[in-house]
Structure formats: C-alpha cells, structure tokens
Amino acid sequence: MTLESEHSLNLGNYLVSPLVRRTEGGRYAPSVSIRSGRGTSTHDRVLRFHARFDDRDGARAYAVEQGIAWLGRMSQSQRS
C-alpha cells in the first residue's frame, strides 16, 4: 500500500497536500497534509479520515475539502 501526494495547493502561508492510499479492500482512503513554515521551522499536520471512496478522485477531492475546512476553522479561532 503506497501513499501518494497529489495536486498540492498553496493557500496563503500553507501548503495543502491531499494524500490517497488504496486499501486492502480496493477502496481509497483520504488524508491531507497541511504544512506551514520553512526550513527548520516547518510544521506539518496530517489529518486522516475514516471515509472510504470507490475512486481516487473522490478521495482526493474529499481530502482537499477537509484541509480547506480545517484551515478555515483555525483562522476563525485565531480571530476570536
């Protein structure tokens, strides 16, 4: 089972990278890496999801949506 990063997005100070792996059952499991900073100050948060998809594109789209939503929630909590 390999984990592949596909179609990273630069969103402000963040790099959102959807990750997709094929499960033993043949479905696709999404996760997303959210990276900030540079060099030795890099911080990388990886979110893994329970959802499974029949196709790679569906898993990738879900990972991107969830990564963007997470950044939105973090931005709102920093403004409060």
PDB file of N, CA and C in Angstrom:
ATOM      1  N   MET A   1       0.840  -1.178   0.000  1.00  0.00           N
ATOM      2  CA  MET A   1       0.000   0.000   0.000  1.00  0.00           C
ATOM      3  C   MET A   1       0.884   1.239   0.000  1.00  0.00           C
ATOM      4  N   THR A   2       0.768   2.023  -1.021  1.00  0.00           N
ATOM      5  CA  THR A   2       1.551   3.244  -1.105  1.00  0.00           C
ATOM      6  C   THR A   2       0.661   4.448  -0.857  1.00  0.00           C
ATOM      7  N   LEU A   3       1.268   5.458  -0.313  1.00  0.00           N
ATOM      8  CA  LEU A   3       0.578   6.712  -0.039  1.00  0.00           C
ATOM      9  C   LEU A   3       1.099   7.721  -1.040  1.00  0.00           C
ATOM     10  N   GLU A   4       0.211   8.324  -1.805  1.00  0.00           N
ATOM     11  CA  GLU A   4       0.624   9.258  -2.850  1.00  0.00           C
ATOM     12  C   GLU A   4       0.081  10.649  -2.583  1.00  0.00           C
ATOM     13  N   SER A   5       0.959  11.650  -2.730  1.00  0.00           N
ATOM     14  CA  SER A   5       0.532  13.044  -2.643  1.00  0.00           C
ATOM     15  C   SER A   5       0.160  13.502  -4.041  1.00  0.00           C
ATOM     16  N   GLU A   6      -0.980  14.155  -4.151  1.00  0.00           N
ATOM     17  CA  GLU A   6      -1.467  14.574  -5.454  1.00  0.00           C
ATOM     18  C   GLU A   6      -1.968  16.010  -5.402  1.00  0.00           C
ATOM     19  N   HIS A   7      -1.516  16.826  -6.317  1.00  0.00           N
ATOM     20  CA  HIS A   7      -2.109  18.142  -6.527  1.00  0.00           C
ATOM     21  C   HIS A   7      -2.076  19.040  -5.284  1.00  0.00           C
ATOM     22  N   SER A   8      -0.907  19.360  -4.803  1.00  0.00           N
ATOM     23  CA  SER A   8      -0.779  20.262  -3.655  1.00  0.00           C
ATOM     24  C   SER A   8      -1.259  21.659  -4.018  1.00  0.00           C
ATOM     25  N   LEU A   9      -1.809  22.346  -3.011  1.00  0.00           N
ATOM     26  CA  LEU A   9      -2.324  23.706  -3.199  1.00  0.00           C
ATOM     27  C   LEU A   9      -1.616  24.647  -2.238  1.00  0.00           C
ATOM     28  N   ASN A  10      -1.170  25.791  -2.728  1.00  0.00           N
ATOM     29  CA  ASN A  10      -0.655  26.845  -1.866  1.00  0.00           C
ATOM     30  C   ASN A  10      -1.814  27.744  -1.471  1.00  0.00           C
ATOM     31  N   LEU A  11      -2.074  27.839  -0.163  1.00  0.00           N
ATOM     32  CA  LEU A  11      -3.139  28.696   0.356  1.00  0.00           C
ATOM     33  C   LEU A  11      -2.538  29.609   1.411  1.00  0.00           C
ATOM     34  N   GLY A  12      -2.166  30.801   1.001  1.00  0.00           N
ATOM     35  CA  GLY A  12      -1.529  31.736   1.924  1.00  0.00           C
ATOM     36  C   GLY A  12      -0.204  31.188   2.409  1.00  0.00           C
ATOM     37  N   ASN A  13      -0.078  31.032   3.718  1.00  0.00           N
ATOM     38  CA  ASN A  13       1.158  30.511   4.311  1.00  0.00           C
ATOM     39  C   ASN A  13       1.166  28.990   4.412  1.00  0.00           C
ATOM     40  N   TYR A  14       0.196  28.327   3.800  1.00  0.00           N
ATOM     41  CA  TYR A  14       0.038  26.886   3.965  1.00  0.00           C
ATOM     42  C   TYR A  14       0.151  26.150   2.640  1.00  0.00           C
ATOM     43  N   LEU A  15       0.655  24.936   2.719  1.00  0.00           N
ATOM     44  CA  LEU A  15       0.665  24.021   1.582  1.00  0.00           C
ATOM     45  C   LEU A  15      -0.250  22.861   1.959  1.00  0.00           C
ATOM     46  N   VAL A  16      -1.340  22.696   1.211  1.00  0.00           N
ATOM     47  CA  VAL A  16      -2.315  21.632   1.463  1.00  0.00           C
ATOM     48  C   VAL A  16      -2.073  20.540   0.426  1.00  0.00           C
ATOM     49  N   SER A  17      -1.728  19.343   0.906  1.00  0.00           N
ATOM     50  CA  SER A  17      -1.421  18.229   0.013  1.00  0.00           C
ATOM     51  C   SER A  17      -2.332  17.050   0.309  1.00  0.00           C
ATOM     52  N   PRO A  18      -3.262  16.746  -0.600  1.00  0.00           N
ATOM     53  CA  PRO A  18      -4.102  15.573  -0.399  1.00  0.00           C
ATOM     54  C   PRO A  18      -3.264  14.307  -0.571  1.00  0.00           C
ATOM     55  N   LEU A  19      -3.537  13.327   0.264  1.00  0.00           N
ATOM     56  CA  LEU A  19      -2.842  12.048   0.220  1.00  0.00           C
ATOM     57  C   LEU A  19      -3.891  10.956   0.049  1.00  0.00           C
ATOM     58  N   VAL A  20      -3.629  10.017  -0.841  1.00  0.00           N
ATOM     59  CA  VAL A  20      -4.587   8.947  -1.100  1.00  0.00           C
ATOM     60  C   VAL A  20      -3.845   7.623  -1.092  1.00  0.00           C
ATOM     61  N   ARG A  21      -4.422   6.634  -0.413  1.00  0.00           N
ATOM     62  CA  ARG A  21      -3.840   5.295  -0.467  1.00  0.00           C
ATOM     63  C   ARG A  21      -4.933   4.288  -0.766  1.00  0.00           C
ATOM     64  N   ARG A  22      -4.552   3.263  -1.461  1.00  0.00           N
ATOM     65  CA  ARG A  22      -5.502   2.197  -1.771  1.00  0.00           C
ATOM     66  C   ARG A  22      -5.484   1.202  -0.633  1.00  0.00           C
ATOM     67  N   THR A  23      -6.654   0.853  -0.130  1.00  0.00           N
ATOM     68  CA  THR A  23      -6.755  -0.076   0.991  1.00  0.00           C
ATOM     69  C   THR A  23      -6.680  -1.516   0.481  1.00  0.00           C
ATOM     70  N   GLU A  24      -6.542  -2.445   1.404  1.00  0.00           N
ATOM     71  CA  GLU A  24      -6.506  -3.863   1.034  1.00  0.00           C
ATOM     72  C   GLU A  24      -7.806  -4.292   0.358  1.00  0.00           C
ATOM     73  N   GLY A  25      -8.903  -3.639   0.705  1.00  0.00           N
ATOM     74  CA  GLY A  25     -10.193  -3.954   0.105  1.00  0.00           C
ATOM     75  C   GLY A  25     -10.402  -3.323  -1.266  1.00  0.00           C
ATOM     76  N   GLY A  26      -9.435  -2.558  -1.752  1.00  0.00           N
ATOM     77  CA  GLY A  26      -9.520  -1.964  -3.079  1.00  0.00           C
ATOM     78  C   GLY A  26     -10.144  -0.580  -3.122  1.00  0.00           C
ATOM     79  N   ARG A  27     -10.547  -0.057  -1.991  1.00  0.00           N
ATOM     80  CA  ARG A  27     -11.111   1.294  -1.945  1.00  0.00           C
ATOM     81  C   ARG A  27      -9.996   2.291  -1.658  1.00  0.00           C
ATOM     82  N   TYR A  28     -10.327   3.569  -1.637  1.00  0.00           N
ATOM     83  CA  TYR A  28      -9.326   4.615  -1.450  1.00  0.00           C
ATOM     84  C   TYR A  28      -9.565   5.366  -0.148  1.00  0.00           C
ATOM     85  N   ALA A  29      -8.483   5.538   0.608  1.00  0.00           N
ATOM     86  CA  ALA A  29      -8.532   6.217   1.906  1.00  0.00           C
ATOM     87  C   ALA A  29      -7.861   7.586   1.782  1.00  0.00           C
ATOM     88  N   PRO A  30      -8.592   8.665   2.098  1.00  0.00           N
ATOM     89  CA  PRO A  30      -8.016  10.002   2.002  1.00  0.00           C
ATOM     90  C   PRO A  30      -7.372  10.454   3.313  1.00  0.00           C
ATOM     91  N   SER A  31      -6.367  11.295   3.175  1.00  0.00           N
ATOM     92  CA  SER A  31      -5.806  12.056   4.282  1.00  0.00           C
ATOM     93  C   SER A  31      -5.245  13.327   3.664  1.00  0.00           C
ATOM     94  N   VAL A  32      -4.839  14.263   4.506  1.00  0.00           N
ATOM     95  CA  VAL A  32      -4.326  15.524   3.974  1.00  0.00           C
ATOM     96  C   VAL A  32      -3.191  16.018   4.861  1.00  0.00           C
ATOM     97  N   SER A  33      -2.165  16.542   4.235  1.00  0.00           N
ATOM     98  CA  SER A  33      -1.051  17.179   4.926  1.00  0.00           C
ATOM     99  C   SER A  33      -1.228  18.684   4.804  1.00  0.00           C
ATOM    100  N   ILE A  34      -1.102  19.382   5.949  1.00  0.00           N
ATOM    101  CA  ILE A  34      -1.182  20.838   5.969  1.00  0.00           C
ATOM    102  C   ILE A  34       0.138  21.340   6.534  1.00  0.00           C
ATOM    103  N   ARG A  35       0.940  21.956   5.687  1.00  0.00           N
ATOM    104  CA  ARG A  35       2.294  22.364   6.062  1.00  0.00           C
ATOM    105  C   ARG A  35       2.396  23.872   6.129  1.00  0.00           C
ATOM    106  N   SER A  36       3.122  24.346   7.129  1.00  0.00           N
ATOM    107  CA  SER A  36       3.396  25.777   7.250  1.00  0.00           C
ATOM    108  C   SER A  36       4.851  25.950   7.656  1.00  0.00           C
ATOM    109  N   GLY A  37       5.355  27.136   7.443  1.00  0.00           N
ATOM    110  CA  GLY A  37       6.732  27.441   7.817  1.00  0.00           C
ATOM    111  C   GLY A  37       7.725  27.043   6.743  1.00  0.00           C
ATOM    112  N   ARG A  38       8.989  27.294   7.053  1.00  0.00           N
ATOM    113  CA  ARG A  38      10.080  26.981   6.119  1.00  0.00           C
ATOM    114  C   ARG A  38      11.294  26.472   6.883  1.00  0.00           C
ATOM    115  N   GLY A  39      12.076  25.659   6.212  1.00  0.00           N
ATOM    116  CA  GLY A  39      13.325  25.164   6.789  1.00  0.00           C
ATOM    117  C   GLY A  39      13.116  24.413   8.094  1.00  0.00           C
ATOM    118  N   THR A  40      13.900  24.787   9.105  1.00  0.00           N
ATOM    119  CA  THR A  40      13.812  24.097  10.387  1.00  0.00           C
ATOM    120  C   THR A  40      12.569  24.487  11.178  1.00  0.00           C
ATOM    121  N   SER A  41      11.838  25.490  10.699  1.00  0.00           N
ATOM    122  CA  SER A  41      10.605  25.926  11.375  1.00  0.00           C
ATOM    123  C   SER A  41       9.359  25.372  10.712  1.00  0.00           C
ATOM    124  N   THR A  42       9.502  24.338   9.901  1.00  0.00           N
ATOM    125  CA  THR A  42       8.359  23.746   9.207  1.00  0.00           C
ATOM    126  C   THR A  42       7.513  22.945  10.188  1.00  0.00           C
ATOM    127  N   HIS A  43       6.205  23.108  10.064  1.00  0.00           N
ATOM    128  CA  HIS A  43       5.247  22.337  10.858  1.00  0.00           C
ATOM    129  C   HIS A  43       4.312  21.644   9.879  1.00  0.00           C
ATOM    130  N   ASP A  44       4.133  20.348  10.058  1.00  0.00           N
ATOM    131  CA  ASP A  44       3.292  19.571   9.158  1.00  0.00           C
ATOM    132  C   ASP A  44       2.260  18.813   9.983  1.00  0.00           C
ATOM    133  N   ARG A  45       0.987  19.083   9.712  1.00  0.00           N
ATOM    134  CA  ARG A  45      -0.110  18.381  10.391  1.00  0.00           C
ATOM    135  C   ARG A  45      -0.746  17.459   9.355  1.00  0.00           C
ATOM    136  N   VAL A  46      -0.939  16.193   9.725  1.00  0.00           N
ATOM    137  CA  VAL A  46      -1.581  15.238   8.830  1.00  0.00           C
ATOM    138  C   VAL A  46      -2.906  14.811   9.457  1.00  0.00           C
ATOM    139  N   LEU A  47      -3.974  14.975   8.688  1.00  0.00           N
ATOM    140  CA  LEU A  47      -5.303  14.563   9.126  1.00  0.00           C
ATOM    141  C   LEU A  47      -5.685  13.317   8.342  1.00  0.00           C
ATOM    142  N   ARG A  48      -6.099  12.269   9.053  1.00  0.00           N
ATOM    143  CA  ARG A  48      -6.547  11.030   8.413  1.00  0.00           C
ATOM    144  C   ARG A  48      -8.047  10.900   8.618  1.00  0.00           C
ATOM    145  N   PHE A  49      -8.723  10.362   7.614  1.00  0.00           N
ATOM    146  CA  PHE A  49     -10.178  10.291   7.649  1.00  0.00           C
ATOM    147  C   PHE A  49     -10.656   8.846   7.565  1.00  0.00           C
ATOM    148  N   HIS A  50     -11.806   8.576   8.169  1.00  0.00           N
ATOM    149  CA  HIS A  50     -12.401   7.239   8.147  1.00  0.00           C
ATOM    150  C   HIS A  50     -13.129   6.956   6.840  1.00  0.00           C
ATOM    151  N   ALA A  51     -13.520   7.988   6.132  1.00  0.00           N
ATOM    152  CA  ALA A  51     -14.280   7.817   4.883  1.00  0.00           C
ATOM    153  C   ALA A  51     -13.467   6.993   3.880  1.00  0.00           C
ATOM    154  N   ARG A  52     -14.150   6.185   3.089  1.00  0.00           N
ATOM    155  CA  ARG A  52     -13.533   5.404   2.019  1.00  0.00           C
ATOM    156  C   ARG A  52     -14.289   5.695   0.725  1.00  0.00           C
ATOM    157  N   PHE A  53     -13.563   5.658  -0.387  1.00  0.00           N
ATOM    158  CA  PHE A  53     -14.129   6.020  -1.673  1.00  0.00           C
ATOM    159  C   PHE A  53     -13.825   4.941  -2.707  1.00  0.00           C
ATOM    160  N   ASP A  54     -14.713   4.840  -3.695  1.00  0.00           N
ATOM    161  CA  ASP A  54     -14.527   3.857  -4.760  1.00  0.00           C
ATOM    162  C   ASP A  54     -13.503   4.308  -5.791  1.00  0.00           C
ATOM    163  N   ASP A  55     -13.238   5.617  -5.847  1.00  0.00           N
ATOM    164  CA  ASP A  55     -12.276   6.117  -6.834  1.00  0.00           C
ATOM    165  C   ASP A  55     -11.307   7.112  -6.193  1.00  0.00           C
ATOM    166  N   ARG A  56     -10.138   7.196  -6.779  1.00  0.00           N
ATOM    167  CA  ARG A  56      -9.061   8.070  -6.292  1.00  0.00           C
ATOM    168  C   ARG A  56      -9.465   9.539  -6.317  1.00  0.00           C
ATOM    169  N   ASP A  57     -10.161   9.960  -7.372  1.00  0.00           N
ATOM    170  CA  ASP A  57     -10.541  11.371  -7.484  1.00  0.00           C
ATOM    171  C   ASP A  57     -11.486  11.798  -6.366  1.00  0.00           C
ATOM    172  N   GLY A  58     -12.425  10.938  -5.999  1.00  0.00           N
ATOM    173  CA  GLY A  58     -13.342  11.251  -4.906  1.00  0.00           C
ATOM    174  C   GLY A  58     -12.606  11.390  -3.587  1.00  0.00           C
ATOM    175  N   ALA A  59     -11.642  10.502  -3.341  1.00  0.00           N
ATOM    176  CA  ALA A  59     -10.847  10.564  -2.106  1.00  0.00           C
ATOM    177  C   ALA A  59      -9.999  11.829  -2.080  1.00  0.00           C
ATOM    178  N   ARG A  60      -9.406  12.174  -3.216  1.00  0.00           N
ATOM    179  CA  ARG A  60      -8.565  13.377  -3.292  1.00  0.00           C
ATOM    180  C   ARG A  60      -9.399  14.637  -3.055  1.00  0.00           C
ATOM    181  N   ALA A  61     -10.555  14.720  -3.687  1.00  0.00           N
ATOM    182  CA  ALA A  61     -11.422  15.888  -3.521  1.00  0.00           C
ATOM    183  C   ALA A  61     -11.860  16.033  -2.062  1.00  0.00           C
ATOM    184  N   TYR A  62     -12.198  14.937  -1.423  1.00  0.00           N
ATOM    185  CA  TYR A  62     -12.611  14.967  -0.015  1.00  0.00           C
ATOM    186  C   TYR A  62     -11.462  15.478   0.862  1.00  0.00           C
ATOM    187  N   ALA A  63     -10.254  14.992   0.616  1.00  0.00           N
ATOM    188  CA  ALA A  63      -9.094  15.417   1.401  1.00  0.00           C
ATOM    189  C   ALA A  63      -8.853  16.921   1.255  1.00  0.00           C
ATOM    190  N   VAL A  64      -8.950  17.438   0.040  1.00  0.00           N
ATOM    191  CA  VAL A  64      -8.764  18.874  -0.199  1.00  0.00           C
ATOM    192  C   VAL A  64      -9.837  19.674   0.529  1.00  0.00           C
ATOM    193  N   GLU A  65     -11.092  19.254   0.396  1.00  0.00           N
ATOM    194  CA  GLU A  65     -12.195  19.957   1.067  1.00  0.00           C
ATOM    195  C   GLU A  65     -11.989  19.999   2.578  1.00  0.00           C
ATOM    196  N   GLN A  66     -11.589  18.874   3.146  1.00  0.00           N
ATOM    197  CA  GLN A  66     -11.390  18.807   4.588  1.00  0.00           C
ATOM    198  C   GLN A  66     -10.200  19.653   5.034  1.00  0.00           C
ATOM    199  N   GLY A  67      -9.131  19.681   4.239  1.00  0.00           N
ATOM    200  CA  GLY A  67      -7.976  20.514   4.558  1.00  0.00           C
ATOM    201  C   GLY A  67      -8.322  21.996   4.546  1.00  0.00           C
ATOM    202  N   ILE A  68      -9.080  22.417   3.537  1.00  0.00           N
ATOM    203  CA  ILE A  68      -9.501  23.812   3.446  1.00  0.00           C
ATOM    204  C   ILE A  68     -10.433  24.160   4.603  1.00  0.00           C
ATOM    205  N   ALA A  69     -11.344  23.246   4.932  1.00  0.00           N
ATOM    206  CA  ALA A  69     -12.272  23.478   6.058  1.00  0.00           C
ATOM    207  C   ALA A  69     -11.498  23.599   7.369  1.00  0.00           C
ATOM    208  N   TRP A  70     -10.491  22.770   7.562  1.00  0.00           N
ATOM    209  CA  TRP A  70      -9.679  22.824   8.785  1.00  0.00           C
ATOM    210  C   TRP A  70      -8.979  24.179   8.887  1.00  0.00           C
ATOM    211  N   LEU A  71      -8.407  24.641   7.775  1.00  0.00           N
ATOM    212  CA  LEU A  71      -7.754  25.959   7.784  1.00  0.00           C
ATOM    213  C   LEU A  71      -8.749  27.057   8.101  1.00  0.00           C
ATOM    214  N   GLY A  72      -9.964  26.959   7.582  1.00  0.00           N
ATOM    215  CA  GLY A  72     -10.999  27.948   7.868  1.00  0.00           C
ATOM    216  C   GLY A  72     -11.353  27.975   9.348  1.00  0.00           C
ATOM    217  N   ARG A  73     -11.476  26.803   9.956  1.00  0.00           N
ATOM    218  CA  ARG A  73     -11.783  26.741  11.389  1.00  0.00           C
ATOM    219  C   ARG A  73     -10.636  27.312  12.211  1.00  0.00           C
ATOM    220  N   MET A  74      -9.402  27.025  11.819  1.00  0.00           N
ATOM    221  CA  MET A  74      -8.244  27.561  12.549  1.00  0.00           C
ATOM    222  C   MET A  74      -8.196  29.083  12.429  1.00  0.00           C
ATOM    223  N   SER A  75      -8.489  29.601  11.242  1.00  0.00           N
ATOM    224  CA  SER A  75      -8.486  31.043  11.035  1.00  0.00           C
ATOM    225  C   SER A  75      -9.547  31.720  11.896  1.00  0.00           C
ATOM    226  N   GLN A  76     -10.735  31.122  11.961  1.00  0.00           N
ATOM    227  CA  GLN A  76     -11.812  31.687  12.788  1.00  0.00           C
ATOM    228  C   GLN A  76     -11.436  31.671  14.259  1.00  0.00           C
ATOM    229  N   SER A  77     -10.826  30.595  14.733  1.00  0.00           N
ATOM    230  CA  SER A  77     -10.483  30.514  16.160  1.00  0.00           C
ATOM    231  C   SER A  77      -9.370  31.499  16.517  1.00  0.00           C
ATOM    232  N   GLN A  78      -8.502  31.831  15.574  1.00  0.00           N
ATOM    233  CA  GLN A  78      -7.436  32.803  15.842  1.00  0.00           C
ATOM    234  C   GLN A  78      -7.983  34.216  15.875  1.00  0.00           C
ATOM    235  N   ARG A  79      -9.108  34.471  15.176  1.00  0.00           N
ATOM    236  CA  ARG A  79      -9.720  35.801  15.177  1.00  0.00           C
ATOM    237  C   ARG A  79     -10.570  36.028  16.415  1.00  0.00           C
ATOM    238  N   SER A  80     -10.985  34.959  17.069  1.00  0.00           N
ATOM    239  CA  SER A  80     -11.873  35.089  18.244  1.00  0.00           C
ATOM    240  C   SER A  80     -11.124  35.503  19.479  1.00  0.00           C
TER     241      SER A  80
END
